[in-house]
PDB file of N, CA and C in Angstrom:
ATOM      1  N   MET A   1     -92.255  97.988 -15.571  1.00  0.00           N
ATOM      2  CA  MET A   1     -92.305  99.533 -15.685  1.00  0.00           C
ATOM      3  C   MET A   1     -92.473 100.253 -14.562  1.00  0.00           C
ATOM      4  N   LEU A   2     -93.084  99.590 -13.373  1.00  0.00           N
ATOM      5  CA  LEU A   2     -93.570 100.264 -12.385  1.00  0.00           C
ATOM      6  C   LEU A   2     -92.368 100.499 -11.434  1.00  0.00           C
ATOM      7  N   ASP A   3     -91.499  99.358 -11.566  1.00  0.00           N
ATOM      8  CA  ASP A   3     -90.142  99.370 -10.863  1.00  0.00           C
ATOM      9  C   ASP A   3     -89.300 100.831 -11.564  1.00  0.00           C
ATOM     10  N   LEU A   4     -89.169 100.816 -12.451  1.00  0.00           N
ATOM     11  CA  LEU A   4     -88.430 101.843 -13.232  1.00  0.00           C
ATOM     12  C   LEU A   4     -89.160 103.462 -12.785  1.00  0.00           C
ATOM     13  N   LEU A   5     -90.400 103.296 -12.676  1.00  0.00           N
ATOM     14  CA  LEU A   5     -91.079 104.635 -11.912  1.00  0.00           C
ATOM     15  C   LEU A   5     -90.768 104.787 -10.612  1.00  0.00           C
ATOM     16  N   THR A   6     -90.707 103.630  -9.704  1.00  0.00           N
ATOM     17  CA  THR A   6     -90.762 104.288  -8.464  1.00  0.00           C
ATOM     18  C   THR A   6     -89.164 103.948  -8.114  1.00  0.00           C
ATOM     19  N   LEU A   7     -88.199 103.739  -8.782  1.00  0.00           N
ATOM     20  CA  LEU A   7     -86.933 103.773  -8.690  1.00  0.00           C
ATOM     21  C   LEU A   7     -86.013 105.043  -7.965  1.00  0.00           C
ATOM     22  N   PRO A   8     -86.462 106.108  -8.320  1.00  0.00           N
ATOM     23  CA  PRO A   8     -85.736 107.105  -7.521  1.00  0.00           C
ATOM     24  C   PRO A   8     -86.332 107.324  -6.307  1.00  0.00           C
ATOM     25  N   PHE A   9     -87.605 106.928  -5.826  1.00  0.00           N
ATOM     26  CA  PHE A   9     -87.928 107.018  -4.473  1.00  0.00           C
ATOM     27  C   PHE A   9     -87.583 105.831  -3.737  1.00  0.00           C
ATOM     28  N   ARG A  10     -87.317 104.868  -4.082  1.00  0.00           N
ATOM     29  CA  ARG A  10     -86.368 103.465  -3.648  1.00  0.00           C
ATOM     30  C   ARG A  10     -85.302 103.875  -3.075  1.00  0.00           C
ATOM     31  N   LEU A  11     -84.389 104.563  -4.174  1.00  0.00           N
ATOM     32  CA  LEU A  11     -83.069 105.072  -3.915  1.00  0.00           C
ATOM     33  C   LEU A  11     -83.018 105.769  -2.767  1.00  0.00           C
ATOM     34  N   VAL A  12     -83.829 106.965  -2.724  1.00  0.00           N
ATOM     35  CA  VAL A  12     -83.875 107.938  -1.758  1.00  0.00           C
ATOM     36  C   VAL A  12     -84.237 107.367  -0.446  1.00  0.00           C
ATOM     37  N   PHE A  13     -85.113 106.786  -0.351  1.00  0.00           N
ATOM     38  CA  PHE A  13     -85.550 106.078   1.173  1.00  0.00           C
ATOM     39  C   PHE A  13     -84.516 104.806   1.379  1.00  0.00           C
ATOM     40  N   GLY A  14     -84.182 104.276   0.399  1.00  0.00           N
ATOM     41  CA  GLY A  14     -82.955 103.288   0.671  1.00  0.00           C
ATOM     42  C   GLY A  14     -81.801 103.872   1.299  1.00  0.00           C
ATOM     43  N   ILE A  15     -81.366 104.932   0.694  1.00  0.00           N
ATOM     44  CA  ILE A  15     -80.036 105.357   1.297  1.00  0.00           C
ATOM     45  C   ILE A  15     -80.434 106.139   2.556  1.00  0.00           C
ATOM     46  N   LEU A  16     -81.498 106.747   2.592  1.00  0.00           N
ATOM     47  CA  LEU A  16     -81.885 107.728   4.006  1.00  0.00           C
ATOM     48  C   LEU A  16     -82.136 106.608   5.190  1.00  0.00           C
ATOM     49  N   PHE A  17     -82.747 105.615   5.135  1.00  0.00           N
ATOM     50  CA  PHE A  17     -83.001 104.737   6.053  1.00  0.00           C
ATOM     51  C   PHE A  17     -81.347 103.671   6.408  1.00  0.00           C
ATOM     52  N   GLY A  18     -80.736 103.498   5.299  1.00  0.00           N
ATOM     53  CA  GLY A  18     -79.418 103.025   5.566  1.00  0.00           C
ATOM     54  C   GLY A  18     -78.703 103.788   6.451  1.00  0.00           C
ATOM     55  N   LEU A  19     -78.672 104.923   6.158  1.00  0.00           N
ATOM     56  CA  LEU A  19     -77.628 106.082   7.171  1.00  0.00           C
ATOM     57  C   LEU A  19     -78.421 106.184   8.420  1.00  0.00           C
ATOM     58  N   LEU A  20     -79.731 106.018   8.577  1.00  0.00           N
ATOM     59  CA  LEU A  20     -80.285 106.042   9.968  1.00  0.00           C
ATOM     60  C   LEU A  20     -79.936 104.610  10.623  1.00  0.00           C
ATOM     61  N   ALA A  21     -79.822 103.648   9.864  1.00  0.00           N
ATOM     62  CA  ALA A  21     -79.419 102.455  10.549  1.00  0.00           C
ATOM     63  C   ALA A  21     -78.117 102.093  10.791  1.00  0.00           C
ATOM     64  N   LEU A  22     -77.242 102.906  10.418  1.00  0.00           N
ATOM     65  CA  LEU A  22     -75.725 102.663  10.362  1.00  0.00           C
ATOM     66  C   LEU A  22     -75.213 102.717  11.745  1.00  0.00           C
ATOM     67  N   PRO A  23     -75.601 103.727  12.592  1.00  0.00           N
ATOM     68  CA  PRO A  23     -75.019 103.568  14.205  1.00  0.00           C
ATOM     69  C   PRO A  23     -75.437 102.443  14.682  1.00  0.00           C
ATOM     70  N   PHE A  24     -76.634 102.052  14.543  1.00  0.00           N
ATOM     71  CA  PHE A  24     -77.170 100.735  15.279  1.00  0.00           C
ATOM     72  C   PHE A  24     -76.299  99.396  14.764  1.00  0.00           C
ATOM     73  N   ALA A  25     -76.022  99.469  13.313  1.00  0.00           N
ATOM     74  CA  ALA A  25     -75.280  98.419  12.784  1.00  0.00           C
ATOM     75  C   ALA A  25     -73.806  98.432  13.435  1.00  0.00           C
ATOM     76  N   LEU A  26     -73.331  99.561  13.747  1.00  0.00           N
ATOM     77  CA  LEU A  26     -71.911  99.667  14.247  1.00  0.00           C
ATOM     78  C   LEU A  26     -71.801  99.429  15.622  1.00  0.00           C
ATOM     79  N   LEU A  27     -73.048  99.747  16.145  1.00  0.00           N
ATOM     80  CA  LEU A  27     -73.017  99.012  17.906  1.00  0.00           C
ATOM     81  C   LEU A  27     -73.164  97.583  17.751  1.00  0.00           C
ATOM     82  N   ALA A  28     -73.774  97.150  16.819  1.00  0.00           N
ATOM     83  CA  ALA A  28     -73.963  95.462  16.822  1.00  0.00           C
ATOM     84  C   ALA A  28     -72.849  94.796  16.363  1.00  0.00           C
ATOM     85  N   LEU A  29     -71.977  95.510  15.858  1.00  0.00           N
ATOM     86  CA  LEU A  29     -70.699  94.791  15.119  1.00  0.00           C
ATOM     87  C   LEU A  29     -70.073  93.740  16.324  1.00  0.00           C
ATOM     88  N   PRO A  30     -69.981  94.215  17.455  1.00  0.00           N
ATOM     89  CA  PRO A  30     -69.167  93.597  18.401  1.00  0.00           C
ATOM     90  C   PRO A  30     -69.885  92.247  19.065  1.00  0.00           C
ATOM     91  N   LEU A  31     -71.180  92.535  18.715  1.00  0.00           N
ATOM     92  CA  LEU A  31     -72.245  91.110  19.091  1.00  0.00           C
ATOM     93  C   LEU A  31     -71.881  90.475  18.069  1.00  0.00           C
ATOM     94  N   ALA A  32     -72.142  90.729  16.756  1.00  0.00           N
ATOM     95  CA  ALA A  32     -71.859  89.791  15.610  1.00  0.00           C
ATOM     96  C   ALA A  32     -70.609  89.033  15.541  1.00  0.00           C
ATOM     97  N   LEU A  33     -69.469  89.732  16.397  1.00  0.00           N
ATOM     98  CA  LEU A  33     -68.281  88.956  16.225  1.00  0.00           C
ATOM     99  C   LEU A  33     -68.340  87.673  17.226  1.00  0.00           C
ATOM    100  N   LEU A  34     -69.374  87.747  18.355  1.00  0.00           N
ATOM    101  CA  LEU A  34     -69.435  86.471  19.282  1.00  0.00           C
ATOM    102  C   LEU A  34     -70.089  85.280  18.582  1.00  0.00           C
ATOM    103  N   PHE A  35     -70.869  85.561  17.332  1.00  0.00           N
ATOM    104  CA  PHE A  35     -71.328  84.520  16.613  1.00  0.00           C
ATOM    105  C   PHE A  35     -70.388  83.794  15.691  1.00  0.00           C
ATOM    106  N   ILE A  36     -69.073  84.244  15.341  1.00  0.00           N
ATOM    107  CA  ILE A  36     -68.244  83.473  14.371  1.00  0.00           C
ATOM    108  C   ILE A  36     -67.985  82.150  15.050  1.00  0.00           C
ATOM    109  N   PRO A  37     -67.720  81.985  16.210  1.00  0.00           N
ATOM    110  CA  PRO A  37     -67.649  80.410  16.541  1.00  0.00           C
ATOM    111  C   PRO A  37     -68.617  79.413  16.158  1.00  0.00           C
ATOM    112  N   PHE A  38     -69.785  80.014  16.498  1.00  0.00           N
ATOM    113  CA  PHE A  38     -70.912  79.352  16.233  1.00  0.00           C
ATOM    114  C   PHE A  38     -71.180  79.148  14.707  1.00  0.00           C
ATOM    115  N   LEU A  39     -70.677  79.924  13.799  1.00  0.00           N
ATOM    116  CA  LEU A  39     -70.867  79.731  12.424  1.00  0.00           C
ATOM    117  C   LEU A  39     -69.823  78.952  11.675  1.00  0.00           C
ATOM    118  N   ILE A  40     -68.650  78.919  12.522  1.00  0.00           N
ATOM    119  CA  ILE A  40     -67.621  77.753  12.329  1.00  0.00           C
ATOM    120  C   ILE A  40     -68.132  76.491  12.525  1.00  0.00           C
ATOM    121  N   LEU A  41     -68.717  76.323  13.460  1.00  0.00           N
ATOM    122  CA  LEU A  41     -68.941  75.159  13.885  1.00  0.00           C
ATOM    123  C   LEU A  41     -70.015  74.632  13.370  1.00  0.00           C
ATOM    124  N   ARG A  42     -71.070  75.543  12.843  1.00  0.00           N
ATOM    125  CA  ARG A  42     -72.077  75.036  11.852  1.00  0.00           C
ATOM    126  C   ARG A  42     -71.483  74.708  10.689  1.00  0.00           C
ATOM    127  N   LEU A  43     -70.764  75.353  10.254  1.00  0.00           N
ATOM    128  CA  LEU A  43     -70.049  75.033   8.966  1.00  0.00           C
ATOM    129  C   LEU A  43     -69.198  73.341   9.123  1.00  0.00           C
ATOM    130  N   LEU A  44     -68.737  72.994  10.110  1.00  0.00           N
ATOM    131  CA  LEU A  44     -68.071  71.904  10.497  1.00  0.00           C
ATOM    132  C   LEU A  44     -69.087  70.796  10.539  1.00  0.00           C
ATOM    133  N   PHE A  45     -70.257  70.854  11.134  1.00  0.00           N
ATOM    134  CA  PHE A  45     -71.320  70.046  10.817  1.00  0.00           C
ATOM    135  C   PHE A  45     -71.722  69.841   9.538  1.00  0.00           C
ATOM    136  N   LYS A  46     -72.113  70.871   8.929  1.00  0.00           N
ATOM    137  CA  LYS A  46     -72.534  70.829   7.665  1.00  0.00           C
ATOM    138  C   LYS A  46     -71.550  69.902   6.978  1.00  0.00           C
ATOM    139  N   ALA A  47     -70.372  69.993   6.913  1.00  0.00           N
ATOM    140  CA  ALA A  47     -69.367  69.387   6.190  1.00  0.00           C
ATOM    141  C   ALA A  47     -69.219  67.955   6.582  1.00  0.00           C
ATOM    142  N   ALA A  48     -69.411  67.583   7.963  1.00  0.00           N
ATOM    143  CA  ALA A  48     -69.382  66.393   8.209  1.00  0.00           C
ATOM    144  C   ALA A  48     -70.552  65.277   7.835  1.00  0.00           C
ATOM    145  N   VAL A  49     -71.715  66.150   7.746  1.00  0.00           N
ATOM    146  CA  VAL A  49     -72.949  65.510   7.117  1.00  0.00           C
ATOM    147  C   VAL A  49     -72.599  65.286   5.636  1.00  0.00           C
ATOM    148  N   ALA A  50     -72.257  66.189   5.150  1.00  0.00           N
ATOM    149  CA  ALA A  50     -71.870  66.360   3.564  1.00  0.00           C
ATOM    150  C   ALA A  50     -70.964  65.156   3.168  1.00  0.00           C
ATOM    151  N   LEU A  51     -69.956  64.886   3.981  1.00  0.00           N
ATOM    152  CA  LEU A  51     -69.072  63.846   3.731  1.00  0.00           C
ATOM    153  C   LEU A  51     -69.790  62.302   4.192  1.00  0.00           C
ATOM    154  N   PHE A  52     -70.511  62.415   5.229  1.00  0.00           N
ATOM    155  CA  PHE A  52     -71.470  61.204   5.379  1.00  0.00           C
ATOM    156  C   PHE A  52     -72.173  60.546   4.484  1.00  0.00           C
ATOM    157  N   VAL A  53     -73.088  61.739   4.032  1.00  0.00           N
ATOM    158  CA  VAL A  53     -74.131  61.541   3.022  1.00  0.00           C
ATOM    159  C   VAL A  53     -73.792  61.508   1.579  1.00  0.00           C
ATOM    160  N   LEU A  54     -72.455  62.019   1.270  1.00  0.00           N
ATOM    161  CA  LEU A  54     -72.140  62.037  -0.230  1.00  0.00           C
ATOM    162  C   LEU A  54     -71.983  60.531  -0.881  1.00  0.00           C
ATOM    163  N   PRO A  55     -71.469  59.472  -0.147  1.00  0.00           N
ATOM    164  CA  PRO A  55     -71.580  58.336  -1.010  1.00  0.00           C
ATOM    165  C   PRO A  55     -72.633  57.815  -0.954  1.00  0.00           C
ATOM    166  N   PHE A  56     -73.547  58.168   0.010  1.00  0.00           N
ATOM    167  CA  PHE A  56     -74.956  57.514  -0.672  1.00  0.00           C
ATOM    168  C   PHE A  56     -75.723  58.298  -1.939  1.00  0.00           C
ATOM    169  N   VAL A  57     -75.503  59.369  -1.760  1.00  0.00           N
ATOM    170  CA  VAL A  57     -75.893  60.312  -3.042  1.00  0.00           C
ATOM    171  C   VAL A  57     -75.366  59.876  -4.097  1.00  0.00           C
ATOM    172  N   ALA A  58     -73.970  59.630  -4.120  1.00  0.00           N
ATOM    173  CA  ALA A  58     -73.410  59.145  -5.546  1.00  0.00           C
ATOM    174  C   ALA A  58     -73.851  57.654  -5.923  1.00  0.00           C
ATOM    175  N   LEU A  59     -74.202  56.862  -5.013  1.00  0.00           N
ATOM    176  CA  LEU A  59     -74.686  55.626  -5.356  1.00  0.00           C
ATOM    177  C   LEU A  59     -75.982  55.795  -5.851  1.00  0.00           C
ATOM    178  N   ALA A  60     -77.026  56.574  -5.268  1.00  0.00           N
ATOM    179  CA  ALA A  60     -78.211  56.938  -5.677  1.00  0.00           C
ATOM    180  C   ALA A  60     -78.241  57.459  -7.007  1.00  0.00           C
ATOM    181  N   VAL A  61     -77.189  58.153  -7.378  1.00  0.00           N
ATOM    182  CA  VAL A  61     -76.950  58.737  -8.809  1.00  0.00           C
ATOM    183  C   VAL A  61     -76.674  57.874  -9.934  1.00  0.00           C
ATOM    184  N   PHE A  62     -75.847  57.049  -9.521  1.00  0.00           N
ATOM    185  CA  PHE A  62     -75.262  55.855 -10.012  1.00  0.00           C
ATOM    186  C   PHE A  62     -76.299  54.840 -10.827  1.00  0.00           C
ATOM    187  N   ILE A  63     -77.241  54.516  -9.401  1.00  0.00           N
ATOM    188  CA  ILE A  63     -78.404  53.788  -9.776  1.00  0.00           C
ATOM    189  C   ILE A  63     -79.352  54.313 -10.816  1.00  0.00           C
ATOM    190  N   ALA A  64     -79.820  55.686 -10.547  1.00  0.00           N
ATOM    191  CA  ALA A  64     -80.756  56.283 -11.427  1.00  0.00           C
ATOM    192  C   ALA A  64     -79.968  56.486 -12.625  1.00  0.00           C
ATOM    193  N   LEU A  65     -78.790  56.626 -12.910  1.00  0.00           N
ATOM    194  CA  LEU A  65     -78.341  56.570 -14.516  1.00  0.00           C
ATOM    195  C   LEU A  65     -78.636  55.282 -15.085  1.00  0.00           C
ATOM    196  N   ALA A  66     -78.444  54.319 -14.249  1.00  0.00           N
ATOM    197  CA  ALA A  66     -78.215  52.856 -14.950  1.00  0.00           C
ATOM    198  C   ALA A  66     -79.700  52.773 -15.279  1.00  0.00           C
ATOM    199  N   ALA A  67     -80.555  52.993 -14.426  1.00  0.00           N
ATOM    200  CA  ALA A  67     -82.073  52.957 -14.743  1.00  0.00           C
ATOM    201  C   ALA A  67     -82.199  53.786 -15.830  1.00  0.00           C
ATOM    202  N   ALA A  68     -82.210  54.867 -16.061  1.00  0.00           N
ATOM    203  CA  ALA A  68     -82.346  55.662 -17.209  1.00  0.00           C
ATOM    204  C   ALA A  68     -81.745  55.235 -18.736  1.00  0.00           C
ATOM    205  N   PHE A  69     -80.538  54.809 -18.324  1.00  0.00           N
ATOM    206  CA  PHE A  69     -79.802  53.951 -19.460  1.00  0.00           C
ATOM    207  C   PHE A  69     -80.688  52.715 -20.084  1.00  0.00           C
ATOM    208  N   VAL A  70     -81.191  51.887 -18.935  1.00  0.00           N
ATOM    209  CA  VAL A  70     -81.897  50.691 -19.600  1.00  0.00           C
ATOM    210  C   VAL A  70     -83.415  51.254 -20.019  1.00  0.00           C
ATOM    211  N   ALA A  71     -83.806  52.169 -19.334  1.00  0.00           N
ATOM    212  CA  ALA A  71     -85.209  52.792 -19.938  1.00  0.00           C
ATOM    213  C   ALA A  71     -84.925  53.180 -21.585  1.00  0.00           C
ATOM    214  N   VAL A  72     -84.163  54.031 -21.476  1.00  0.00           N
ATOM    215  CA  VAL A  72     -83.904  54.662 -23.088  1.00  0.00           C
ATOM    216  C   VAL A  72     -83.454  53.351 -23.996  1.00  0.00           C
ATOM    217  N   ALA A  73     -82.737  52.342 -23.489  1.00  0.00           N
ATOM    218  CA  ALA A  73     -82.359  51.411 -24.251  1.00  0.00           C
ATOM    219  C   ALA A  73     -83.984  50.545 -24.609  1.00  0.00           C
ATOM    220  N   PHE A  74     -84.592  50.160 -23.632  1.00  0.00           N
ATOM    221  CA  PHE A  74     -85.957  49.525 -23.960  1.00  0.00           C
ATOM    222  C   PHE A  74     -86.819  50.381 -24.805  1.00  0.00           C
ATOM    223  N   ALA A  75     -86.752  51.736 -24.731  1.00  0.00           N
ATOM    224  CA  ALA A  75     -87.523  52.717 -25.487  1.00  0.00           C
ATOM    225  C   ALA A  75     -87.210  52.794 -26.931  1.00  0.00           C
ATOM    226  N   LEU A  76     -85.834  52.546 -27.180  1.00  0.00           N
ATOM    227  CA  LEU A  76     -85.374  52.350 -28.678  1.00  0.00           C
ATOM    228  C   LEU A  76     -85.530  50.997 -29.094  1.00  0.00           C
ATOM    229  N   ILE A  77     -85.432  49.955 -28.454  1.00  0.00           N
ATOM    230  CA  ILE A  77     -85.649  48.612 -28.885  1.00  0.00           C
ATOM    231  C   ILE A  77     -86.957  48.076 -29.069  1.00  0.00           C
ATOM    232  N   VAL A  78     -87.979  48.219 -28.260  1.00  0.00           N
ATOM    233  CA  VAL A  78     -89.382  47.900 -28.198  1.00  0.00           C
ATOM    234  C   VAL A  78     -90.305  48.253 -29.321  1.00  0.00           C
ATOM    235  N   PRO A  79     -90.110  49.481 -29.923  1.00  0.00           N
ATOM    236  CA  PRO A  79     -90.728  49.616 -31.372  1.00  0.00           C
ATOM    237  C   PRO A  79     -90.080  48.861 -32.346  1.00  0.00           C
ATOM    238  N   LEU A  80     -88.833  48.377 -32.376  1.00  0.00           N
ATOM    239  CA  LEU A  80     -88.212  47.467 -33.417  1.00  0.00           C
ATOM    240  C   LEU A  80     -88.652  45.959 -33.406  1.00  0.00           C
ATOM    241  N   LEU A  81     -89.222  45.715 -32.233  1.00  0.00           N
ATOM    242  CA  LEU A  81     -89.549  44.242 -31.946  1.00  0.00           C
ATOM    243  C   LEU A  81     -90.376  43.536 -32.972  1.00  0.00           C
ATOM    244  N   PRO A  82     -91.520  44.278 -33.464  1.00  0.00           N
ATOM    245  CA  PRO A  82     -92.279  43.573 -34.357  1.00  0.00           C
ATOM    246  C   PRO A  82     -91.538  43.441 -35.749  1.00  0.00           C
ATOM    247  N   LEU A  83     -90.844  44.386 -36.006  1.00  0.00           N
ATOM    248  CA  LEU A  83     -90.049  44.372 -37.436  1.00  0.00           C
ATOM    249  C   LEU A  83     -89.047  42.972 -36.956  1.00  0.00           C
ATOM    250  N   ALA A  84     -88.367  42.863 -35.847  1.00  0.00           N
ATOM    251  CA  ALA A  84     -87.397  41.905 -35.888  1.00  0.00           C
ATOM    252  C   ALA A  84     -88.097  40.689 -35.894  1.00  0.00           C
ATOM    253  N   LEU A  85     -89.339  40.565 -35.316  1.00  0.00           N
ATOM    254  CA  LEU A  85     -90.137  39.322 -35.362  1.00  0.00           C
ATOM    255  C   LEU A  85     -90.625  38.945 -36.824  1.00  0.00           C
ATOM    256  N   LEU A  86     -90.991  39.859 -37.452  1.00  0.00           N
ATOM    257  CA  LEU A  86     -91.393  39.529 -38.790  1.00  0.00           C
ATOM    258  C   LEU A  86     -89.782  39.024 -39.985  1.00  0.00           C
ATOM    259  N   VAL A  87     -88.789  39.805 -39.443  1.00  0.00           N
ATOM    260  CA  VAL A  87     -87.665  39.238 -40.049  1.00  0.00           C
ATOM    261  C   VAL A  87     -87.218  37.886 -39.941  1.00  0.00           C
ATOM    262  N   PHE A  88     -87.549  37.643 -38.555  1.00  0.00           N
ATOM    263  CA  PHE A  88     -86.814  36.309 -37.981  1.00  0.00           C
ATOM    264  C   PHE A  88     -87.963  35.201 -38.704  1.00  0.00           C
ATOM    265  N   GLY A  89     -89.128  35.508 -38.672  1.00  0.00           N
ATOM    266  CA  GLY A  89     -90.388  34.568 -39.165  1.00  0.00           C
ATOM    267  C   GLY A  89     -89.965  34.362 -40.734  1.00  0.00           C
ATOM    268  N   ILE A  90     -89.663  35.233 -41.395  1.00  0.00           N
ATOM    269  CA  ILE A  90     -88.998  34.957 -42.811  1.00  0.00           C
ATOM    270  C   ILE A  90     -87.884  34.386 -42.913  1.00  0.00           C
ATOM    271  N   TRP A  91     -86.917  34.452 -42.044  1.00  0.00           N
ATOM    272  CA  TRP A  91     -85.586  33.645 -42.067  1.00  0.00           C
ATOM    273  C   TRP A  91     -85.835  32.230 -41.850  1.00  0.00           C
ATOM    274  N   ALA A  92     -86.714  32.149 -40.874  1.00  0.00           N
ATOM    275  CA  ALA A  92     -87.164  30.672 -40.550  1.00  0.00           C
ATOM    276  C   ALA A  92     -87.787  29.980 -41.757  1.00  0.00           C
ATOM    277  N   ILE A  93     -88.784  30.780 -42.279  1.00  0.00           N
ATOM    278  CA  ILE A  93     -89.395  30.014 -43.417  1.00  0.00           C
ATOM    279  C   ILE A  93     -88.466  29.707 -44.474  1.00  0.00           C
ATOM    280  N   VAL A  94     -87.725  30.735 -44.967  1.00  0.00           N
ATOM    281  CA  VAL A  94     -86.850  30.388 -45.862  1.00  0.00           C
ATOM    282  C   VAL A  94     -85.678  29.322 -45.569  1.00  0.00           C
ATOM    283  N   ARG A  95     -85.233  29.364 -44.337  1.00  0.00           N
ATOM    284  CA  ARG A  95     -84.244  28.159 -43.900  1.00  0.00           C
ATOM    285  C   ARG A  95     -84.944  27.072 -44.100  1.00  0.00           C
ATOM    286  N   MET A  96     -86.251  26.878 -43.627  1.00  0.00           N
ATOM    287  CA  MET A  96     -86.944  25.483 -43.642  1.00  0.00           C
ATOM    288  C   MET A  96     -86.926  24.946 -45.107  1.00  0.00           C
ATOM    289  N   ALA A  97     -87.399  25.898 -46.078  1.00  0.00           N
ATOM    290  CA  ALA A  97     -87.909  25.513 -47.228  1.00  0.00           C
ATOM    291  C   ALA A  97     -86.646  25.343 -48.277  1.00  0.00           C
ATOM    292  N   SER A  98     -85.469  25.736 -47.798  1.00  0.00           N
ATOM    293  CA  SER A  98     -84.287  25.339 -48.790  1.00  0.00           C
ATOM    294  C   SER A  98     -83.619  24.202 -48.504  1.00  0.00           C
ATOM    295  N   LYS A  99     -83.002  23.667 -49.576  1.00  0.00           N
ATOM    296  CA  LYS A  99     -82.538  22.316 -49.607  1.00  0.00           C
ATOM    297  C   LYS A  99     -81.312  22.309 -48.573  1.00  0.00           C
ATOM    298  N   PRO A 100     -81.298  21.392 -47.949  1.00  0.00           N
ATOM    299  CA  PRO A 100     -79.923  21.019 -46.992  1.00  0.00           C
ATOM    300  C   PRO A 100     -78.612  20.995 -47.899  1.00  0.00           C
ATOM    301  N   ALA A 101     -77.744  21.589 -47.175  1.00  0.00           N
ATOM    302  CA  ALA A 101     -76.381  21.715 -47.985  1.00  0.00           C
ATOM    303  C   ALA A 101     -75.969  20.009 -47.960  1.00  0.00           C
ATOM    304  N   VAL A 102     -75.346  19.631 -48.953  1.00  0.00           N
ATOM    305  CA  VAL A 102     -74.787  18.438 -49.024  1.00  0.00           C
ATOM    306  C   VAL A 102     -73.329  18.546 -48.669  1.00  0.00           C
ATOM    307  N   SER A 103     -73.094  17.574 -47.683  1.00  0.00           N
ATOM    308  CA  SER A 103     -71.704  17.131 -46.959  1.00  0.00           C
ATOM    309  C   SER A 103     -71.058  16.061 -47.555  1.00  0.00           C
ATOM    310  N   PHE A 104     -69.990  15.741 -47.822  1.00  0.00           N
ATOM    311  CA  PHE A 104     -69.374  14.266 -48.256  1.00  0.00           C
ATOM    312  C   PHE A 104     -68.431  13.909 -47.198  1.00  0.00           C
TER     313      PHE A 104
END
């Protein structure tokens, strides 16, 4: 709400100081053009570093996804282990108690 109340003052002062700073910005424009080669050089360095680091980042992401997959699989399987152990015990008891099949 305070932003809406102060909006007219911010607009007036922003336009006023923007117009006052315009001649200085126009005078500084030729100096700003001198920085373009440095900006291009910075872009080239960043691109080279990105191309060098990208395979390592991709490998780290792959390892993290594999670890997450294993963690989710264990999180889903571990609660079912007591039930699986109970079923295996009943199966083993029934198998040992049943008569062996007769083969000729």
